[in-house]
Amino acid sequence: MIIYDHDDSLTKLTSLLRDSLPQNHTNQVLIMTVVDQDLALELELYAGNFSDVHFNGIGRTLTKFWRKGSFDYERALGYVYRNLVIPAAKDYKVCHGSINQAWHTMFPIPERKLVAENILNSFIGEFKLDNFWI
């Protein structure tokens, strides 16, 4: 279940939903903010194209952990976020942004995290098809 956070009554709503679930029910309540899908897609495309060194280096690193069997989704997500999405956002701002706007306001955190998740899921899809970076 996804709840979009638009006001301060989110805590009440979350506790109400958790209390209404049966005791043996294990579904989680995910809390998300509204995300600009177009902005996230723009950053995702730019991240995939702006630097082969970054993208292929991340592909090789994730391949190494996938083949070892020690792949951790959360750690890989943070790795993609730090080493691909943030440098891409900074480079995009330098090439296409204005002087008055910072890179982190041009691409807010929810959009950056969505981009990292989409990129990581595309890497995992390639790994499941036995396509690896060497």
N, C-alpha and C. Protein backbone atom coordinates (compact mmCIF):
# COMPACT_ATOMS: atom_id res chain seq x y z
N MET A 1 0.83 -1.16 0.00
CA MET A 1 0.00 0.00 0.00
C MET A 1 0.89 1.23 0.00
N ILE A 2 0.62 2.17 -0.86
CA ILE A 2 1.40 3.39 -0.95
C ILE A 2 0.53 4.57 -0.53
N ILE A 3 1.09 5.40 0.34
CA ILE A 3 0.41 6.60 0.79
C ILE A 3 1.24 7.78 0.33
N TYR A 4 0.62 8.73 -0.28
CA TYR A 4 1.33 9.93 -0.70
C TYR A 4 1.24 10.96 0.41
N ASP A 5 2.38 11.43 0.84
CA ASP A 5 2.49 12.37 1.96
C ASP A 5 2.24 13.79 1.48
N HIS A 6 1.05 14.31 1.81
CA HIS A 6 0.73 15.67 1.42
C HIS A 6 0.51 16.59 2.61
N ASP A 7 0.37 16.04 3.79
CA ASP A 7 0.12 16.91 4.94
C ASP A 7 0.71 16.29 6.20
N ASP A 8 0.47 16.93 7.34
CA ASP A 8 1.07 16.48 8.60
C ASP A 8 0.28 15.38 9.29
N SER A 9 -0.86 14.99 8.74
CA SER A 9 -1.66 13.96 9.38
C SER A 9 -1.21 12.56 8.98
N LEU A 10 -0.03 12.47 8.40
CA LEU A 10 0.47 11.18 7.94
C LEU A 10 0.70 10.20 9.08
N THR A 11 1.17 10.67 10.20
CA THR A 11 1.42 9.78 11.34
C THR A 11 0.13 9.13 11.81
N LYS A 12 -0.92 9.89 11.90
CA LYS A 12 -2.22 9.34 12.30
C LYS A 12 -2.70 8.31 11.30
N LEU A 13 -2.58 8.63 10.02
CA LEU A 13 -3.05 7.73 8.98
C LEU A 13 -2.26 6.43 8.97
N THR A 14 -0.95 6.53 9.13
CA THR A 14 -0.11 5.34 9.15
C THR A 14 -0.45 4.44 10.33
N SER A 15 -0.60 5.02 11.51
CA SER A 15 -0.94 4.20 12.67
C SER A 15 -2.33 3.61 12.54
N LEU A 16 -3.27 4.35 11.95
CA LEU A 16 -4.61 3.83 11.73
C LEU A 16 -4.58 2.63 10.79
N LEU A 17 -3.81 2.73 9.72
CA LEU A 17 -3.71 1.62 8.78
C LEU A 17 -3.04 0.41 9.41
N ARG A 18 -1.99 0.64 10.19
CA ARG A 18 -1.31 -0.49 10.83
C ARG A 18 -2.21 -1.16 11.86
N ASP A 19 -3.01 -0.37 12.57
CA ASP A 19 -3.92 -0.93 13.57
C ASP A 19 -5.06 -1.69 12.91
N SER A 20 -5.45 -1.32 11.70
CA SER A 20 -6.57 -1.97 11.04
C SER A 20 -6.19 -3.30 10.40
N LEU A 21 -4.89 -3.58 10.26
CA LEU A 21 -4.46 -4.84 9.67
C LEU A 21 -4.59 -5.97 10.69
N PRO A 22 -4.91 -7.18 10.24
CA PRO A 22 -4.94 -8.32 11.17
C PRO A 22 -3.57 -8.55 11.80
N GLN A 23 -3.54 -9.20 12.94
CA GLN A 23 -2.29 -9.40 13.68
C GLN A 23 -1.28 -10.21 12.88
N ASN A 24 -1.72 -11.17 12.09
CA ASN A 24 -0.78 -12.01 11.35
C ASN A 24 -0.45 -11.43 9.98
N HIS A 25 -0.94 -10.28 9.68
CA HIS A 25 -0.70 -9.64 8.38
C HIS A 25 0.68 -8.97 8.40
N THR A 26 1.50 -9.24 7.36
CA THR A 26 2.87 -8.74 7.38
C THR A 26 3.17 -7.69 6.32
N ASN A 27 2.17 -7.22 5.57
CA ASN A 27 2.44 -6.20 4.55
C ASN A 27 2.93 -4.92 5.20
N GLN A 28 3.79 -4.23 4.50
CA GLN A 28 4.33 -2.98 5.00
C GLN A 28 3.55 -1.81 4.41
N VAL A 29 3.53 -0.74 5.12
CA VAL A 29 2.94 0.49 4.62
C VAL A 29 4.09 1.37 4.16
N LEU A 30 4.13 1.65 2.87
CA LEU A 30 5.19 2.48 2.31
C LEU A 30 4.74 3.93 2.27
N ILE A 31 5.60 4.81 2.69
CA ILE A 31 5.28 6.22 2.68
C ILE A 31 6.17 6.88 1.63
N MET A 32 5.53 7.51 0.66
CA MET A 32 6.29 8.12 -0.42
C MET A 32 5.84 9.56 -0.61
N THR A 33 6.69 10.32 -1.22
CA THR A 33 6.32 11.67 -1.60
C THR A 33 5.97 11.67 -3.08
N VAL A 34 5.40 12.73 -3.54
CA VAL A 34 5.08 12.87 -4.95
C VAL A 34 6.39 13.07 -5.71
N VAL A 35 6.56 12.32 -6.79
CA VAL A 35 7.80 12.35 -7.56
C VAL A 35 7.49 12.85 -8.96
N ASP A 36 8.32 13.74 -9.46
CA ASP A 36 8.21 14.22 -10.82
C ASP A 36 8.81 13.17 -11.75
N GLN A 37 7.97 12.39 -12.41
CA GLN A 37 8.43 11.28 -13.24
C GLN A 37 9.25 11.77 -14.44
N ASP A 38 8.88 12.90 -15.02
CA ASP A 38 9.62 13.42 -16.17
C ASP A 38 11.03 13.84 -15.77
N LEU A 39 11.14 14.47 -14.62
CA LEU A 39 12.45 14.89 -14.13
C LEU A 39 13.32 13.67 -13.82
N ALA A 40 12.72 12.65 -13.22
CA ALA A 40 13.46 11.43 -12.91
C ALA A 40 13.91 10.73 -14.19
N LEU A 41 13.05 10.69 -15.20
CA LEU A 41 13.43 10.07 -16.46
C LEU A 41 14.57 10.83 -17.14
N GLU A 42 14.51 12.16 -17.07
CA GLU A 42 15.58 12.98 -17.65
C GLU A 42 16.93 12.67 -16.99
N LEU A 43 16.93 12.58 -15.67
CA LEU A 43 18.17 12.28 -14.95
C LEU A 43 18.62 10.85 -15.23
N GLU A 44 17.68 9.92 -15.32
CA GLU A 44 18.04 8.53 -15.59
C GLU A 44 18.70 8.39 -16.96
N LEU A 45 18.13 9.03 -17.96
CA LEU A 45 18.73 8.99 -19.30
C LEU A 45 20.09 9.67 -19.33
N TYR A 46 20.20 10.77 -18.63
CA TYR A 46 21.48 11.47 -18.59
C TYR A 46 22.53 10.64 -17.86
N ALA A 47 22.15 10.00 -16.77
CA ALA A 47 23.09 9.17 -16.01
C ALA A 47 23.59 8.00 -16.85
N GLY A 48 22.72 7.44 -17.67
CA GLY A 48 23.13 6.33 -18.51
C GLY A 48 24.03 6.72 -19.65
N ASN A 49 24.02 8.00 -20.02
CA ASN A 49 24.76 8.45 -21.19
C ASN A 49 25.92 9.39 -20.92
N PHE A 50 25.98 10.00 -19.74
CA PHE A 50 26.97 11.06 -19.57
C PHE A 50 28.39 10.56 -19.39
N SER A 51 28.59 9.35 -18.89
CA SER A 51 29.94 8.87 -18.68
C SER A 51 29.97 7.34 -18.72
N ASP A 52 30.63 6.82 -19.73
CA ASP A 52 30.80 5.36 -19.80
C ASP A 52 31.66 4.85 -18.66
N VAL A 53 32.58 5.67 -18.20
CA VAL A 53 33.48 5.25 -17.12
C VAL A 53 32.67 4.98 -15.85
N HIS A 54 31.78 5.91 -15.50
CA HIS A 54 30.96 5.71 -14.30
C HIS A 54 30.03 4.50 -14.46
N PHE A 55 29.30 4.46 -15.57
CA PHE A 55 28.29 3.41 -15.76
C PHE A 55 28.93 2.04 -15.84
N ASN A 56 29.97 1.90 -16.64
CA ASN A 56 30.62 0.59 -16.79
C ASN A 56 31.37 0.18 -15.54
N GLY A 57 31.94 1.14 -14.82
CA GLY A 57 32.60 0.82 -13.55
C GLY A 57 31.62 0.28 -12.53
N ILE A 58 30.45 0.87 -12.47
CA ILE A 58 29.42 0.38 -11.55
C ILE A 58 28.93 -0.99 -12.00
N GLY A 59 28.78 -1.17 -13.30
CA GLY A 59 28.38 -2.48 -13.82
C GLY A 59 29.38 -3.56 -13.46
N ARG A 60 30.67 -3.26 -13.57
CA ARG A 60 31.70 -4.25 -13.20
C ARG A 60 31.67 -4.56 -11.71
N THR A 61 31.52 -3.53 -10.90
CA THR A 61 31.50 -3.74 -9.45
C THR A 61 30.29 -4.57 -9.03
N LEU A 62 29.13 -4.24 -9.54
CA LEU A 62 27.93 -5.01 -9.19
C LEU A 62 27.99 -6.43 -9.72
N THR A 63 28.60 -6.61 -10.90
CA THR A 63 28.79 -7.95 -11.45
C THR A 63 29.63 -8.81 -10.51
N LYS A 64 30.69 -8.21 -9.97
CA LYS A 64 31.58 -8.95 -9.07
C LYS A 64 30.80 -9.49 -7.86
N PHE A 65 29.98 -8.64 -7.26
CA PHE A 65 29.22 -9.08 -6.08
C PHE A 65 28.11 -10.05 -6.45
N TRP A 66 27.50 -9.87 -7.62
CA TRP A 66 26.43 -10.79 -8.06
C TRP A 66 27.00 -12.19 -8.27
N ARG A 67 28.17 -12.28 -8.92
CA ARG A 67 28.77 -13.59 -9.19
C ARG A 67 29.26 -14.28 -7.92
N LYS A 68 29.73 -13.49 -6.95
CA LYS A 68 30.17 -14.07 -5.68
C LYS A 68 29.00 -14.59 -4.86
N GLY A 69 27.83 -14.05 -5.10
CA GLY A 69 26.67 -14.43 -4.31
C GLY A 69 26.48 -13.56 -3.08
N SER A 70 27.23 -12.48 -2.99
CA SER A 70 27.14 -11.60 -1.83
C SER A 70 26.47 -10.26 -2.19
N PHE A 71 25.60 -10.29 -3.20
CA PHE A 71 24.93 -9.07 -3.65
C PHE A 71 23.88 -8.66 -2.63
N ASP A 72 23.94 -7.42 -2.19
CA ASP A 72 22.97 -6.87 -1.24
C ASP A 72 22.28 -5.70 -1.92
N TYR A 73 20.97 -5.77 -2.06
CA TYR A 73 20.21 -4.77 -2.81
C TYR A 73 20.37 -3.37 -2.21
N GLU A 74 20.25 -3.26 -0.90
CA GLU A 74 20.32 -1.94 -0.26
C GLU A 74 21.70 -1.30 -0.41
N ARG A 75 22.75 -2.09 -0.25
CA ARG A 75 24.11 -1.56 -0.43
C ARG A 75 24.35 -1.17 -1.88
N ALA A 76 23.87 -1.99 -2.80
CA ALA A 76 24.03 -1.68 -4.22
C ALA A 76 23.25 -0.42 -4.59
N LEU A 77 22.08 -0.24 -4.00
CA LEU A 77 21.29 0.96 -4.26
C LEU A 77 22.03 2.21 -3.80
N GLY A 78 22.63 2.15 -2.62
CA GLY A 78 23.42 3.27 -2.13
C GLY A 78 24.64 3.52 -3.00
N TYR A 79 25.24 2.46 -3.50
CA TYR A 79 26.43 2.58 -4.36
C TYR A 79 26.07 3.27 -5.67
N VAL A 80 24.97 2.85 -6.28
CA VAL A 80 24.52 3.47 -7.54
C VAL A 80 24.15 4.93 -7.29
N TYR A 81 23.50 5.19 -6.18
CA TYR A 81 23.09 6.55 -5.83
C TYR A 81 24.30 7.48 -5.69
N ARG A 82 25.29 7.02 -4.92
CA ARG A 82 26.46 7.85 -4.65
C ARG A 82 27.39 8.00 -5.84
N ASN A 83 27.59 6.92 -6.59
CA ASN A 83 28.63 6.92 -7.61
C ASN A 83 28.15 7.12 -9.04
N LEU A 84 26.85 7.15 -9.26
CA LEU A 84 26.35 7.39 -10.61
C LEU A 84 25.32 8.51 -10.64
N VAL A 85 24.32 8.45 -9.77
CA VAL A 85 23.23 9.41 -9.84
C VAL A 85 23.67 10.80 -9.41
N ILE A 86 24.38 10.90 -8.31
CA ILE A 86 24.81 12.22 -7.83
C ILE A 86 25.81 12.87 -8.80
N PRO A 87 26.84 12.15 -9.28
CA PRO A 87 27.71 12.78 -10.28
C PRO A 87 26.97 13.18 -11.56
N ALA A 88 25.98 12.38 -11.97
CA ALA A 88 25.21 12.73 -13.16
C ALA A 88 24.39 14.00 -12.92
N ALA A 89 23.79 14.11 -11.73
CA ALA A 89 23.01 15.31 -11.42
C ALA A 89 23.91 16.55 -11.39
N LYS A 90 25.09 16.42 -10.82
CA LYS A 90 26.02 17.55 -10.78
C LYS A 90 26.48 17.94 -12.18
N ASP A 91 26.77 16.96 -13.01
CA ASP A 91 27.22 17.24 -14.36
C ASP A 91 26.08 17.84 -15.19
N TYR A 92 24.87 17.36 -15.00
CA TYR A 92 23.71 17.91 -15.70
C TYR A 92 23.53 19.38 -15.35
N LYS A 93 23.68 19.71 -14.08
CA LYS A 93 23.53 21.09 -13.63
C LYS A 93 24.59 21.97 -14.28
N VAL A 94 25.82 21.49 -14.37
CA VAL A 94 26.90 22.27 -14.97
C VAL A 94 26.62 22.51 -16.46
N CYS A 95 26.14 21.48 -17.15
CA CYS A 95 25.93 21.59 -18.59
C CYS A 95 24.64 22.30 -18.97
N HIS A 96 23.57 22.08 -18.20
CA HIS A 96 22.25 22.56 -18.61
C HIS A 96 21.54 23.43 -17.58
N GLY A 97 22.11 23.61 -16.42
CA GLY A 97 21.43 24.35 -15.36
C GLY A 97 21.75 25.83 -15.38
N SER A 98 21.10 26.55 -14.49
CA SER A 98 21.34 27.98 -14.38
C SER A 98 22.33 28.25 -13.24
N ILE A 99 22.85 29.44 -13.22
CA ILE A 99 23.81 29.81 -12.18
C ILE A 99 23.12 29.91 -10.82
N ASN A 100 21.86 30.27 -10.82
CA ASN A 100 21.14 30.53 -9.58
C ASN A 100 20.58 29.29 -8.90
N GLN A 101 20.66 28.15 -9.53
CA GLN A 101 20.05 26.95 -8.97
C GLN A 101 21.12 25.91 -8.65
N ALA A 102 21.02 25.32 -7.47
CA ALA A 102 21.97 24.27 -7.07
C ALA A 102 21.53 22.93 -7.65
N TRP A 103 22.48 22.01 -7.79
CA TRP A 103 22.17 20.71 -8.37
C TRP A 103 21.18 19.94 -7.51
N HIS A 104 21.26 20.08 -6.19
CA HIS A 104 20.39 19.31 -5.31
C HIS A 104 18.97 19.88 -5.25
N THR A 105 18.78 21.12 -5.67
CA THR A 105 17.41 21.64 -5.79
C THR A 105 16.85 21.37 -7.18
N MET A 106 17.74 21.23 -8.16
CA MET A 106 17.29 20.88 -9.50
C MET A 106 16.74 19.46 -9.54
N PHE A 107 17.42 18.55 -8.83
CA PHE A 107 16.99 17.15 -8.72
C PHE A 107 16.82 16.82 -7.25
N PRO A 108 15.60 16.94 -6.71
CA PRO A 108 15.36 16.63 -5.29
C PRO A 108 15.63 15.16 -4.97
N ILE A 109 15.76 14.87 -3.70
CA ILE A 109 16.12 13.52 -3.24
C ILE A 109 15.16 12.44 -3.73
N PRO A 110 13.83 12.61 -3.67
CA PRO A 110 12.96 11.51 -4.14
C PRO A 110 13.20 11.14 -5.59
N GLU A 111 13.45 12.12 -6.44
CA GLU A 111 13.72 11.83 -7.84
C GLU A 111 15.05 11.10 -8.00
N ARG A 112 16.07 11.53 -7.26
CA ARG A 112 17.37 10.87 -7.34
C ARG A 112 17.30 9.43 -6.86
N LYS A 113 16.55 9.20 -5.79
CA LYS A 113 16.43 7.82 -5.28
C LYS A 113 15.65 6.94 -6.25
N LEU A 114 14.63 7.50 -6.89
CA LEU A 114 13.89 6.74 -7.89
C LEU A 114 14.78 6.37 -9.06
N VAL A 115 15.61 7.29 -9.50
CA VAL A 115 16.54 7.03 -10.60
C VAL A 115 17.52 5.92 -10.22
N ALA A 116 18.07 5.99 -9.01
CA ALA A 116 19.01 4.95 -8.56
C ALA A 116 18.33 3.59 -8.53
N GLU A 117 17.10 3.55 -8.07
CA GLU A 117 16.36 2.28 -8.02
C GLU A 117 16.09 1.75 -9.43
N ASN A 118 15.71 2.61 -10.36
CA ASN A 118 15.46 2.17 -11.73
C ASN A 118 16.73 1.65 -12.40
N ILE A 119 17.83 2.35 -12.19
CA ILE A 119 19.10 1.91 -12.77
C ILE A 119 19.53 0.58 -12.18
N LEU A 120 19.42 0.44 -10.86
CA LEU A 120 19.80 -0.82 -10.22
C LEU A 120 18.92 -1.96 -10.70
N ASN A 121 17.63 -1.72 -10.86
CA ASN A 121 16.74 -2.77 -11.35
C ASN A 121 17.09 -3.16 -12.79
N SER A 122 17.56 -2.21 -13.59
CA SER A 122 17.98 -2.58 -14.95
C SER A 122 19.26 -3.42 -14.91
N PHE A 123 20.19 -3.10 -14.00
CA PHE A 123 21.38 -3.94 -13.83
C PHE A 123 20.98 -5.35 -13.40
N ILE A 124 20.09 -5.46 -12.44
CA ILE A 124 19.66 -6.78 -11.96
C ILE A 124 18.98 -7.56 -13.07
N GLY A 125 18.19 -6.89 -13.88
CA GLY A 125 17.56 -7.56 -15.03
C GLY A 125 18.59 -8.13 -15.98
N GLU A 126 19.66 -7.39 -16.21
CA GLU A 126 20.73 -7.89 -17.07
C GLU A 126 21.45 -9.08 -16.42
N PHE A 127 21.66 -9.01 -15.12
CA PHE A 127 22.33 -10.11 -14.42
C PHE A 127 21.50 -11.39 -14.48
N LYS A 128 20.19 -11.25 -14.36
CA LYS A 128 19.31 -12.43 -14.42
C LYS A 128 19.31 -13.07 -15.81
N LEU A 129 19.63 -12.27 -16.82
CA LEU A 129 19.73 -12.79 -18.18
C LEU A 129 21.15 -13.26 -18.51
N ASP A 130 22.02 -13.30 -17.49
CA ASP A 130 23.41 -13.69 -17.62
C ASP A 130 24.22 -12.74 -18.51
N ASN A 131 23.87 -11.48 -18.47
CA ASN A 131 24.65 -10.45 -19.15
C ASN A 131 25.43 -9.70 -18.08
N PHE A 132 26.77 -9.83 -18.13
CA PHE A 132 27.62 -9.26 -17.09
C PHE A 132 28.63 -8.31 -17.70
N TRP A 133 29.13 -7.41 -16.88
CA TRP A 133 30.20 -6.50 -17.27
C TRP A 133 31.52 -7.15 -16.92
N ILE A 134 32.48 -7.07 -17.80
CA ILE A 134 33.77 -7.71 -17.57
C ILE A 134 34.83 -6.67 -17.34
